[in-house]
């Protein structure tokens, strides 16, 4: 059984405890190797070699706690990231969900939404398909949610986005070469951002989603926590609802009793009947 970050190095456990007190973020169930590397990376940028020295610095600095949080919860995202998956959603999945709904608004959840590129991409696909719906977008990092609500991004964030979608839903703001891309107001009305920790905070009444996307989040969790997260994501779906994961992810066997692959290479799954879900 894999050891936690605290078990590998007690001082790292103390660092995480201070971070938890100062920010409310609990990384105790994240993979120890990932946590260690990101703390070490922050220490290196400060010229510190000792966990003890860094712990003393962290205890006396709320600002440093925020910087460490940003380093551990690194956000790597773009619009339409991993294009084959979004091509499949665009061409087949979203139109099919729209037909299944009979005109009722769809409910989507973007879990671990980072700075908002993914939920805004999902909103583009809904709008383009003429399908009503709203996206609940959640993340543990308040600074990421603030950036997402602002809705402005670097030009590099749209490099994978098909030109037709970029022209329709993004507009340049500011003077070249330092301009930003701003998300169209019609998308903002479809996305609701809120803070949420997939492991430690239940969301009452959050079930029956038509589509849940959680990409490249669970890979950073230790095995037991990863299983819990996959179960929570799958149970949030209505029967027949769609789960979208990252290209390097595959749910563990107990969770696969709740799911049926739609597109293996694109990591798209459909939720099976409620009885099987309850037994998983």
C-alpha atoms as a PDB file:
ATOM      1  CA  UNK A   1       0.000   0.000   0.000  1.00  0.00           C
ATOM      2  CA  UNK A   2       1.387   3.407  -1.007  1.00  0.00           C
ATOM      3  CA  UNK A   3       2.459   5.653   1.851  1.00  0.00           C
ATOM      4  CA  UNK A   4       1.060   9.151   2.302  1.00  0.00           C
ATOM      5  CA  UNK A   5       3.213  12.264   2.094  1.00  0.00           C
ATOM      6  CA  UNK A   6       3.221  12.504   5.907  1.00  0.00           C
ATOM      7  CA  UNK A   7       4.410   8.900   6.263  1.00  0.00           C
ATOM      8  CA  UNK A   8       7.238   9.406   3.779  1.00  0.00           C
ATOM      9  CA  UNK A   9       8.488  12.558   5.537  1.00  0.00           C
ATOM     10  CA  UNK A  10       6.928  13.898   8.774  1.00  0.00           C
ATOM     11  CA  UNK A  11       8.144  17.430   7.985  1.00  0.00           C
ATOM     12  CA  UNK A  12       6.204  17.339   4.724  1.00  0.00           C
ATOM     13  CA  UNK A  13       3.196  16.337   6.801  1.00  0.00           C
ATOM     14  CA  UNK A  14       3.733  19.422   8.973  1.00  0.00           C
ATOM     15  CA  UNK A  15       4.051  21.601   5.889  1.00  0.00           C
ATOM     16  CA  UNK A  16       0.734  20.257   4.598  1.00  0.00           C
ATOM     17  CA  UNK A  17      -0.888  20.820   8.007  1.00  0.00           C
ATOM     18  CA  UNK A  18       0.202  24.482   8.004  1.00  0.00           C
ATOM     19  CA  UNK A  19      -1.015  24.852   4.430  1.00  0.00           C
ATOM     20  CA  UNK A  20      -4.357  23.347   5.452  1.00  0.00           C
ATOM     21  CA  UNK A  21      -4.728  25.772   8.368  1.00  0.00           C
ATOM     22  CA  UNK A  22      -3.847  28.805   6.263  1.00  0.00           C
ATOM     23  CA  UNK A  23      -5.752  27.996   3.068  1.00  0.00           C
ATOM     24  CA  UNK A  24      -8.329  25.330   3.936  1.00  0.00           C
ATOM     25  CA  UNK A  25      -6.816  23.026   1.295  1.00  0.00           C
ATOM     26  CA  UNK A  26      -6.085  19.429   2.318  1.00  0.00           C
ATOM     27  CA  UNK A  27      -3.553  17.595   0.151  1.00  0.00           C
ATOM     28  CA  UNK A  28      -3.027  14.719   2.581  1.00  0.00           C
ATOM     29  CA  UNK A  29      -4.625  12.208   0.206  1.00  0.00           C
ATOM     30  CA  UNK A  30      -2.706  13.247  -2.882  1.00  0.00           C
ATOM     31  CA  UNK A  31       0.101  11.049  -4.176  1.00  0.00           C
ATOM     32  CA  UNK A  32       3.166  11.516  -2.005  1.00  0.00           C
ATOM     33  CA  UNK A  33       5.577  11.739  -4.928  1.00  0.00           C
ATOM     34  CA  UNK A  34       3.594  14.533  -6.570  1.00  0.00           C
ATOM     35  CA  UNK A  35       3.322  16.538  -3.346  1.00  0.00           C
ATOM     36  CA  UNK A  36       7.026  16.098  -2.543  1.00  0.00           C
ATOM     37  CA  UNK A  37       8.121  17.204  -6.013  1.00  0.00           C
ATOM     38  CA  UNK A  38       6.009  20.329  -5.982  1.00  0.00           C
ATOM     39  CA  UNK A  39       7.085  21.361  -2.493  1.00  0.00           C
ATOM     40  CA  UNK A  40      10.712  20.741  -3.511  1.00  0.00           C
ATOM     41  CA  UNK A  41      10.186  22.834  -6.627  1.00  0.00           C
ATOM     42  CA  UNK A  42       8.901  25.735  -4.530  1.00  0.00           C
ATOM     43  CA  UNK A  43      11.799  25.382  -2.096  1.00  0.00           C
ATOM     44  CA  UNK A  44      14.276  25.398  -4.981  1.00  0.00           C
ATOM     45  CA  UNK A  45      12.845  28.644  -6.315  1.00  0.00           C
ATOM     46  CA  UNK A  46      13.496  30.172  -2.870  1.00  0.00           C
ATOM     47  CA  UNK A  47      17.000  28.732  -2.558  1.00  0.00           C
ATOM     48  CA  UNK A  48      16.023  26.555   0.423  1.00  0.00           C
ATOM     49  CA  UNK A  49      17.329  22.999   0.863  1.00  0.00           C
ATOM     50  CA  UNK A  50      15.760  22.053   4.213  1.00  0.00           C
ATOM     51  CA  UNK A  51      12.113  21.161   4.781  1.00  0.00           C
ATOM     52  CA  UNK A  52      12.526  22.505   8.285  1.00  0.00           C
ATOM     53  CA  UNK A  53      13.662  25.919   7.033  1.00  0.00           C
ATOM     54  CA  UNK A  54      10.780  26.050   4.592  1.00  0.00           C
ATOM     55  CA  UNK A  55       8.306  25.046   7.326  1.00  0.00           C
ATOM     56  CA  UNK A  56       9.416  28.007   9.473  1.00  0.00           C
ATOM     57  CA  UNK A  57       9.029  30.356   6.511  1.00  0.00           C
ATOM     58  CA  UNK A  58       5.562  28.995   5.762  1.00  0.00           C
ATOM     59  CA  UNK A  59       4.379  29.369   9.353  1.00  0.00           C
ATOM     60  CA  UNK A  60       5.050  33.082   9.259  1.00  0.00           C
ATOM     61  CA  UNK A  61       3.750  33.930   5.788  1.00  0.00           C
ATOM     62  CA  UNK A  62       0.198  33.792   4.509  1.00  0.00           C
ATOM     63  CA  UNK A  63       1.485  34.961   1.141  1.00  0.00           C
ATOM     64  CA  UNK A  64       3.848  31.991   0.954  1.00  0.00           C
ATOM     65  CA  UNK A  65       0.954  29.651   1.710  1.00  0.00           C
ATOM     66  CA  UNK A  66      -0.830  31.045  -1.328  1.00  0.00           C
ATOM     67  CA  UNK A  67       2.242  30.578  -3.485  1.00  0.00           C
ATOM     68  CA  UNK A  68       2.690  26.981  -2.320  1.00  0.00           C
ATOM     69  CA  UNK A  69      -0.969  26.283  -3.021  1.00  0.00           C
ATOM     70  CA  UNK A  70      -0.505  27.570  -6.564  1.00  0.00           C
ATOM     71  CA  UNK A  71       2.555  25.347  -6.979  1.00  0.00           C
ATOM     72  CA  UNK A  72       0.890  22.152  -5.705  1.00  0.00           C
ATOM     73  CA  UNK A  73      -2.397  22.742  -7.519  1.00  0.00           C
ATOM     74  CA  UNK A  74      -0.766  23.517 -10.869  1.00  0.00           C
ATOM     75  CA  UNK A  75      -3.373  24.240 -13.542  1.00  0.00           C
ATOM     76  CA  UNK A  76      -2.492  22.987 -17.003  1.00  0.00           C
ATOM     77  CA  UNK A  77      -5.385  23.516 -19.363  1.00  0.00           C
ATOM     78  CA  UNK A  78      -6.430  24.924 -22.693  1.00  0.00           C
ATOM     79  CA  UNK A  79      -9.626  25.296 -24.641  1.00  0.00           C
ATOM     80  CA  UNK A  80     -10.477  22.018 -26.397  1.00  0.00           C
ATOM     81  CA  UNK A  81      -7.575  20.271 -24.686  1.00  0.00           C
ATOM     82  CA  UNK A  82      -6.960  16.815 -26.174  1.00  0.00           C
ATOM     83  CA  UNK A  83      -8.909  17.562 -29.345  1.00  0.00           C
ATOM     84  CA  UNK A  84      -9.979  13.975 -30.223  1.00  0.00           C
ATOM     85  CA  UNK A  85     -12.144  13.785 -27.091  1.00  0.00           C
ATOM     86  CA  UNK A  86     -13.822  17.129 -27.775  1.00  0.00           C
ATOM     87  CA  UNK A  87     -14.234  16.256 -31.449  1.00  0.00           C
ATOM     88  CA  UNK A  88     -16.237  13.213 -30.312  1.00  0.00           C
ATOM     89  CA  UNK A  89     -18.298  15.302 -27.888  1.00  0.00           C
ATOM     90  CA  UNK A  90     -18.942  17.901 -30.571  1.00  0.00           C
ATOM     91  CA  UNK A  91     -19.894  15.534 -33.363  1.00  0.00           C
ATOM     92  CA  UNK A  92     -21.806  12.847 -31.472  1.00  0.00           C
ATOM     93  CA  UNK A  93     -22.173  13.051 -27.704  1.00  0.00           C
ATOM     94  CA  UNK A  94     -23.593  16.545 -27.156  1.00  0.00           C
ATOM     95  CA  UNK A  95     -26.119  16.287 -30.018  1.00  0.00           C
ATOM     96  CA  UNK A  96     -27.200  12.853 -28.722  1.00  0.00           C
ATOM     97  CA  UNK A  97     -27.662  14.166 -25.182  1.00  0.00           C
ATOM     98  CA  UNK A  98     -29.702  17.034 -26.577  1.00  0.00           C
ATOM     99  CA  UNK A  99     -32.004  14.628 -28.393  1.00  0.00           C
ATOM    100  CA  UNK A 100     -32.344  12.436 -25.300  1.00  0.00           C
ATOM    101  CA  UNK A 101     -33.350  15.404 -23.154  1.00  0.00           C
ATOM    102  CA  UNK A 102     -36.415  16.141 -25.284  1.00  0.00           C
ATOM    103  CA  UNK A 103     -35.676  19.849 -25.121  1.00  0.00           C
ATOM    104  CA  UNK A 104     -35.079  19.999 -21.364  1.00  0.00           C
ATOM    105  CA  UNK A 105     -31.881  21.839 -20.350  1.00  0.00           C
ATOM    106  CA  UNK A 106     -28.856  19.616 -19.860  1.00  0.00           C
ATOM    107  CA  UNK A 107     -26.917  19.602 -16.604  1.00  0.00           C
ATOM    108  CA  UNK A 108     -23.140  19.333 -16.877  1.00  0.00           C
ATOM    109  CA  UNK A 109     -20.420  19.295 -14.228  1.00  0.00           C
ATOM    110  CA  UNK A 110     -16.804  20.257 -14.887  1.00  0.00           C
ATOM    111  CA  UNK A 111     -14.965  18.987 -11.788  1.00  0.00           C
ATOM    112  CA  UNK A 112     -11.470  20.349 -11.259  1.00  0.00           C
ATOM    113  CA  UNK A 113     -12.191  23.086 -13.789  1.00  0.00           C
ATOM    114  CA  UNK A 114      -8.976  25.049 -13.136  1.00  0.00           C
ATOM    115  CA  UNK A 115      -9.064  28.473 -14.759  1.00  0.00           C
ATOM    116  CA  UNK A 116     -12.228  27.728 -16.730  1.00  0.00           C
ATOM    117  CA  UNK A 117     -11.113  26.707 -20.216  1.00  0.00           C
ATOM    118  CA  UNK A 118     -12.873  23.328 -20.005  1.00  0.00           C
ATOM    119  CA  UNK A 119     -16.329  24.488 -18.846  1.00  0.00           C
ATOM    120  CA  UNK A 120     -16.285  27.313 -21.375  1.00  0.00           C
ATOM    121  CA  UNK A 121     -15.411  24.772 -24.079  1.00  0.00           C
ATOM    122  CA  UNK A 122     -18.379  22.643 -23.006  1.00  0.00           C
ATOM    123  CA  UNK A 123     -20.566  25.762 -23.149  1.00  0.00           C
ATOM    124  CA  UNK A 124     -19.376  26.379 -26.721  1.00  0.00           C
ATOM    125  CA  UNK A 125     -20.420  22.863 -27.726  1.00  0.00           C
ATOM    126  CA  UNK A 126     -23.859  23.265 -26.164  1.00  0.00           C
ATOM    127  CA  UNK A 127     -24.427  26.636 -27.806  1.00  0.00           C
ATOM    128  CA  UNK A 128     -23.186  25.505 -31.217  1.00  0.00           C
ATOM    129  CA  UNK A 129     -25.503  22.480 -31.095  1.00  0.00           C
ATOM    130  CA  UNK A 130     -28.450  24.637 -30.039  1.00  0.00           C
ATOM    131  CA  UNK A 131     -28.844  22.644 -26.829  1.00  0.00           C
ATOM    132  CA  UNK A 132     -30.020  24.358 -23.644  1.00  0.00           C
ATOM    133  CA  UNK A 133     -28.022  23.686 -20.497  1.00  0.00           C
ATOM    134  CA  UNK A 134     -25.825  24.920 -17.697  1.00  0.00           C
ATOM    135  CA  UNK A 135     -22.351  23.873 -16.556  1.00  0.00           C
ATOM    136  CA  UNK A 136     -21.482  23.655 -12.867  1.00  0.00           C
ATOM    137  CA  UNK A 137     -17.728  24.314 -12.732  1.00  0.00           C
ATOM    138  CA  UNK A 138     -15.841  23.501  -9.539  1.00  0.00           C
ATOM    139  CA  UNK A 139     -12.278  23.615  -8.255  1.00  0.00           C
ATOM    140  CA  UNK A 140     -10.505  23.642  -4.897  1.00  0.00           C
ATOM    141  CA  UNK A 141      -8.354  26.673  -5.766  1.00  0.00           C
ATOM    142  CA  UNK A 142     -10.000  30.088  -5.182  1.00  0.00           C
ATOM    143  CA  UNK A 143      -7.433  31.917  -7.322  1.00  0.00           C
ATOM    144  CA  UNK A 144      -8.190  29.636 -10.273  1.00  0.00           C
ATOM    145  CA  UNK A 145     -11.916  30.288  -9.873  1.00  0.00           C
ATOM    146  CA  UNK A 146     -11.290  34.037  -9.783  1.00  0.00           C
ATOM    147  CA  UNK A 147      -9.378  33.788 -13.063  1.00  0.00           C
ATOM    148  CA  UNK A 148     -12.138  31.614 -14.540  1.00  0.00           C
ATOM    149  CA  UNK A 149     -14.840  34.120 -13.619  1.00  0.00           C
ATOM    150  CA  UNK A 150     -12.819  36.870 -15.306  1.00  0.00           C
ATOM    151  CA  UNK A 151     -13.003  34.942 -18.563  1.00  0.00           C
ATOM    152  CA  UNK A 152      -9.837  36.275 -20.211  1.00  0.00           C
ATOM    153  CA  UNK A 153      -7.017  34.098 -21.506  1.00  0.00           C
ATOM    154  CA  UNK A 154      -3.724  34.156 -23.349  1.00  0.00           C
ATOM    155  CA  UNK A 155      -3.793  33.492 -27.109  1.00  0.00           C
ATOM    156  CA  UNK A 156      -1.848  30.270 -26.473  1.00  0.00           C
ATOM    157  CA  UNK A 157      -4.805  28.839 -24.554  1.00  0.00           C
ATOM    158  CA  UNK A 158      -6.823  28.601 -27.776  1.00  0.00           C
ATOM    159  CA  UNK A 159      -4.255  26.874 -29.996  1.00  0.00           C
ATOM    160  CA  UNK A 160      -6.228  23.591 -30.045  1.00  0.00           C
ATOM    161  CA  UNK A 161      -9.624  25.254 -30.398  1.00  0.00           C
ATOM    162  CA  UNK A 162     -11.135  24.856 -33.901  1.00  0.00           C
ATOM    163  CA  UNK A 163     -11.022  28.145 -35.790  1.00  0.00           C
ATOM    164  CA  UNK A 164     -14.800  28.298 -36.196  1.00  0.00           C
ATOM    165  CA  UNK A 165     -15.350  28.075 -32.432  1.00  0.00           C
ATOM    166  CA  UNK A 166     -12.605  30.593 -31.674  1.00  0.00           C
ATOM    167  CA  UNK A 167     -14.046  33.116 -34.142  1.00  0.00           C
ATOM    168  CA  UNK A 168     -17.552  32.687 -32.762  1.00  0.00           C
ATOM    169  CA  UNK A 169     -16.922  32.676 -29.027  1.00  0.00           C
ATOM    170  CA  UNK A 170     -13.641  34.496 -28.324  1.00  0.00           C
ATOM    171  CA  UNK A 171     -12.719  38.107 -29.013  1.00  0.00           C
ATOM    172  CA  UNK A 172      -9.379  39.909 -28.752  1.00  0.00           C
ATOM    173  CA  UNK A 173      -9.056  42.515 -26.016  1.00  0.00           C
ATOM    174  CA  UNK A 174      -6.092  44.923 -25.798  1.00  0.00           C
ATOM    175  CA  UNK A 175      -3.299  45.870 -28.141  1.00  0.00           C
ATOM    176  CA  UNK A 176      -1.057  43.389 -29.904  1.00  0.00           C
ATOM    177  CA  UNK A 177       1.228  41.722 -29.014  1.00  0.00           C
ATOM    178  CA  UNK A 178      -0.117  41.805 -25.438  1.00  0.00           C
ATOM    179  CA  UNK A 179      -3.787  41.132 -26.143  1.00  0.00           C
ATOM    180  CA  UNK A 180      -6.031  38.630 -24.366  1.00  0.00           C
ATOM    181  CA  UNK A 181      -8.931  36.497 -25.557  1.00  0.00           C
ATOM    182  CA  UNK A 182     -12.248  37.185 -23.850  1.00  0.00           C
ATOM    183  CA  UNK A 183     -15.055  34.644 -23.611  1.00  0.00           C
ATOM    184  CA  UNK A 184     -18.333  35.737 -25.150  1.00  0.00           C
ATOM    185  CA  UNK A 185     -21.072  36.791 -22.744  1.00  0.00           C
ATOM    186  CA  UNK A 186     -23.421  34.107 -24.074  1.00  0.00           C
ATOM    187  CA  UNK A 187     -21.093  31.464 -22.606  1.00  0.00           C
ATOM    188  CA  UNK A 188     -20.698  33.143 -19.235  1.00  0.00           C
ATOM    189  CA  UNK A 189     -24.406  32.813 -18.615  1.00  0.00           C
ATOM    190  CA  UNK A 190     -24.145  29.052 -19.034  1.00  0.00           C
ATOM    191  CA  UNK A 191     -21.300  28.488 -16.516  1.00  0.00           C
ATOM    192  CA  UNK A 192     -21.529  28.736 -12.714  1.00  0.00           C
ATOM    193  CA  UNK A 193     -18.261  28.619 -10.794  1.00  0.00           C
ATOM    194  CA  UNK A 194     -17.975  27.479  -7.193  1.00  0.00           C
ATOM    195  CA  UNK A 195     -15.336  26.149  -4.841  1.00  0.00           C
ATOM    196  CA  UNK A 196     -15.542  22.437  -4.128  1.00  0.00           C
ATOM    197  CA  UNK A 197     -13.179  19.671  -3.048  1.00  0.00           C
ATOM    198  CA  UNK A 198     -14.044  16.381  -4.689  1.00  0.00           C
ATOM    199  CA  UNK A 199     -12.699  14.404  -1.715  1.00  0.00           C
ATOM    200  CA  UNK A 200     -13.718  16.369   1.334  1.00  0.00           C
ATOM    201  CA  UNK A 201     -16.888  18.293   0.516  1.00  0.00           C
ATOM    202  CA  UNK A 202     -20.115  16.632  -0.526  1.00  0.00           C
ATOM    203  CA  UNK A 203     -22.489  18.683  -2.639  1.00  0.00           C
ATOM    204  CA  UNK A 204     -26.048  17.943  -1.503  1.00  0.00           C
ATOM    205  CA  UNK A 205     -28.415  17.264  -4.344  1.00  0.00           C
ATOM    206  CA  UNK A 206     -25.680  17.008  -6.944  1.00  0.00           C
ATOM    207  CA  UNK A 207     -26.876  14.046  -8.957  1.00  0.00           C
ATOM    208  CA  UNK A 208     -28.617  13.366 -12.206  1.00  0.00           C
ATOM    209  CA  UNK A 209     -26.017  15.094 -14.385  1.00  0.00           C
ATOM    210  CA  UNK A 210     -26.151  14.457 -18.112  1.00  0.00           C
ATOM    211  CA  UNK A 211     -22.387  14.860 -18.434  1.00  0.00           C
ATOM    212  CA  UNK A 212     -19.570  14.984 -15.893  1.00  0.00           C
ATOM    213  CA  UNK A 213     -16.032  15.878 -16.925  1.00  0.00           C
ATOM    214  CA  UNK A 214     -13.075  15.388 -14.596  1.00  0.00           C
ATOM    215  CA  UNK A 215      -9.870  15.214 -16.550  1.00  0.00           C
ATOM    216  CA  UNK A 216      -6.396  14.605 -15.137  1.00  0.00           C
ATOM    217  CA  UNK A 217      -7.422  15.248 -11.528  1.00  0.00           C
ATOM    218  CA  UNK A 218      -7.765  11.750 -10.091  1.00  0.00           C
ATOM    219  CA  UNK A 219      -4.316  10.715 -11.361  1.00  0.00           C
ATOM    220  CA  UNK A 220      -2.788  12.856  -8.601  1.00  0.00           C
ATOM    221  CA  UNK A 221      -4.658  11.059  -5.794  1.00  0.00           C
ATOM    222  CA  UNK A 222      -3.517   8.057  -3.782  1.00  0.00           C
ATOM    223  CA  UNK A 223      -5.300   4.813  -4.653  1.00  0.00           C
ATOM    224  CA  UNK A 224      -8.107   4.800  -2.053  1.00  0.00           C
ATOM    225  CA  UNK A 225      -8.904   8.460  -2.600  1.00  0.00           C
ATOM    226  CA  UNK A 226      -8.857   7.922  -6.371  1.00  0.00           C
ATOM    227  CA  UNK A 227     -11.432   5.136  -6.035  1.00  0.00           C
ATOM    228  CA  UNK A 228     -13.667   7.357  -3.892  1.00  0.00           C
ATOM    229  CA  UNK A 229     -13.406  10.200  -6.406  1.00  0.00           C
ATOM    230  CA  UNK A 230     -14.291   8.002  -9.376  1.00  0.00           C
ATOM    231  CA  UNK A 231     -17.269   6.604  -7.470  1.00  0.00           C
ATOM    232  CA  UNK A 232     -18.487  10.107  -6.601  1.00  0.00           C
ATOM    233  CA  UNK A 233     -18.178  11.254 -10.214  1.00  0.00           C
ATOM    234  CA  UNK A 234     -19.977   8.198 -11.581  1.00  0.00           C
ATOM    235  CA  UNK A 235     -22.807   8.383  -9.040  1.00  0.00           C
ATOM    236  CA  UNK A 236     -23.366  12.025  -9.936  1.00  0.00           C
ATOM    237  CA  UNK A 237     -24.560  10.898 -13.381  1.00  0.00           C
ATOM    238  CA  UNK A 238     -28.092  10.026 -14.380  1.00  0.00           C
ATOM    239  CA  UNK A 239     -28.490   6.553 -15.902  1.00  0.00           C
ATOM    240  CA  UNK A 240     -27.106   6.889 -19.412  1.00  0.00           C
ATOM    241  CA  UNK A 241     -25.190  10.038 -18.519  1.00  0.00           C
ATOM    242  CA  UNK A 242     -21.683  10.588 -19.871  1.00  0.00           C
ATOM    243  CA  UNK A 243     -18.386  10.642 -17.959  1.00  0.00           C
ATOM    244  CA  UNK A 244     -15.347  12.232 -19.619  1.00  0.00           C
ATOM    245  CA  UNK A 245     -11.884  11.504 -18.190  1.00  0.00           C
ATOM    246  CA  UNK A 246      -8.341  12.410 -19.197  1.00  0.00           C
ATOM    247  CA  UNK A 247      -6.594  10.439 -21.916  1.00  0.00           C
ATOM    248  CA  UNK A 248      -4.300   8.632 -19.435  1.00  0.00           C
ATOM    249  CA  UNK A 249      -7.113   7.637 -17.037  1.00  0.00           C
ATOM    250  CA  UNK A 250      -9.172   4.470 -16.694  1.00  0.00           C
ATOM    251  CA  UNK A 251     -11.520   3.837 -13.738  1.00  0.00           C
ATOM    252  CA  UNK A 252     -10.695   0.933 -11.396  1.00  0.00           C
ATOM    253  CA  UNK A 253     -12.675  -2.296 -11.706  1.00  0.00           C
ATOM    254  CA  UNK A 254     -15.314  -1.558  -9.001  1.00  0.00           C
ATOM    255  CA  UNK A 255     -16.227   1.691 -10.753  1.00  0.00           C
ATOM    256  CA  UNK A 256     -16.327   0.057 -14.179  1.00  0.00           C
ATOM    257  CA  UNK A 257     -19.384  -1.885 -12.962  1.00  0.00           C
ATOM    258  CA  UNK A 258     -21.126   1.495 -13.085  1.00  0.00           C
ATOM    259  CA  UNK A 259     -19.860   2.461 -16.535  1.00  0.00           C
ATOM    260  CA  UNK A 260     -19.729   1.291 -20.132  1.00  0.00           C
ATOM    261  CA  UNK A 261     -17.017   2.638 -22.470  1.00  0.00           C
ATOM    262  CA  UNK A 262     -18.287   4.665 -25.418  1.00  0.00           C
ATOM    263  CA  UNK A 263     -14.934   5.630 -26.892  1.00  0.00           C
ATOM    264  CA  UNK A 264     -11.993   3.921 -25.214  1.00  0.00           C
ATOM    265  CA  UNK A 265      -9.230   6.059 -26.695  1.00  0.00           C
ATOM    266  CA  UNK A 266     -11.100   9.242 -25.796  1.00  0.00           C
ATOM    267  CA  UNK A 267     -12.050   8.008 -22.296  1.00  0.00           C
ATOM    268  CA  UNK A 268     -15.786   8.600 -22.695  1.00  0.00           C
ATOM    269  CA  UNK A 269     -18.153   6.383 -20.676  1.00  0.00           C
ATOM    270  CA  UNK A 270     -21.897   5.987 -20.158  1.00  0.00           C
ATOM    271  CA  UNK A 271     -23.435   5.338 -16.732  1.00  0.00           C
ATOM    272  CA  UNK A 272     -25.273   2.021 -16.455  1.00  0.00           C
ATOM    273  CA  UNK A 273     -28.539   1.294 -14.635  1.00  0.00           C
ATOM    274  CA  UNK A 274     -29.123   2.498 -11.046  1.00  0.00           C
ATOM    275  CA  UNK A 275     -29.084  -1.030  -9.529  1.00  0.00           C
ATOM    276  CA  UNK A 276     -25.548  -1.694 -10.737  1.00  0.00           C
ATOM    277  CA  UNK A 277     -24.491   1.764  -9.585  1.00  0.00           C
ATOM    278  CA  UNK A 278     -25.869   1.157  -6.111  1.00  0.00           C
ATOM    279  CA  UNK A 279     -24.007  -2.145  -5.830  1.00  0.00           C
ATOM    280  CA  UNK A 280     -20.640  -0.792  -7.024  1.00  0.00           C
END
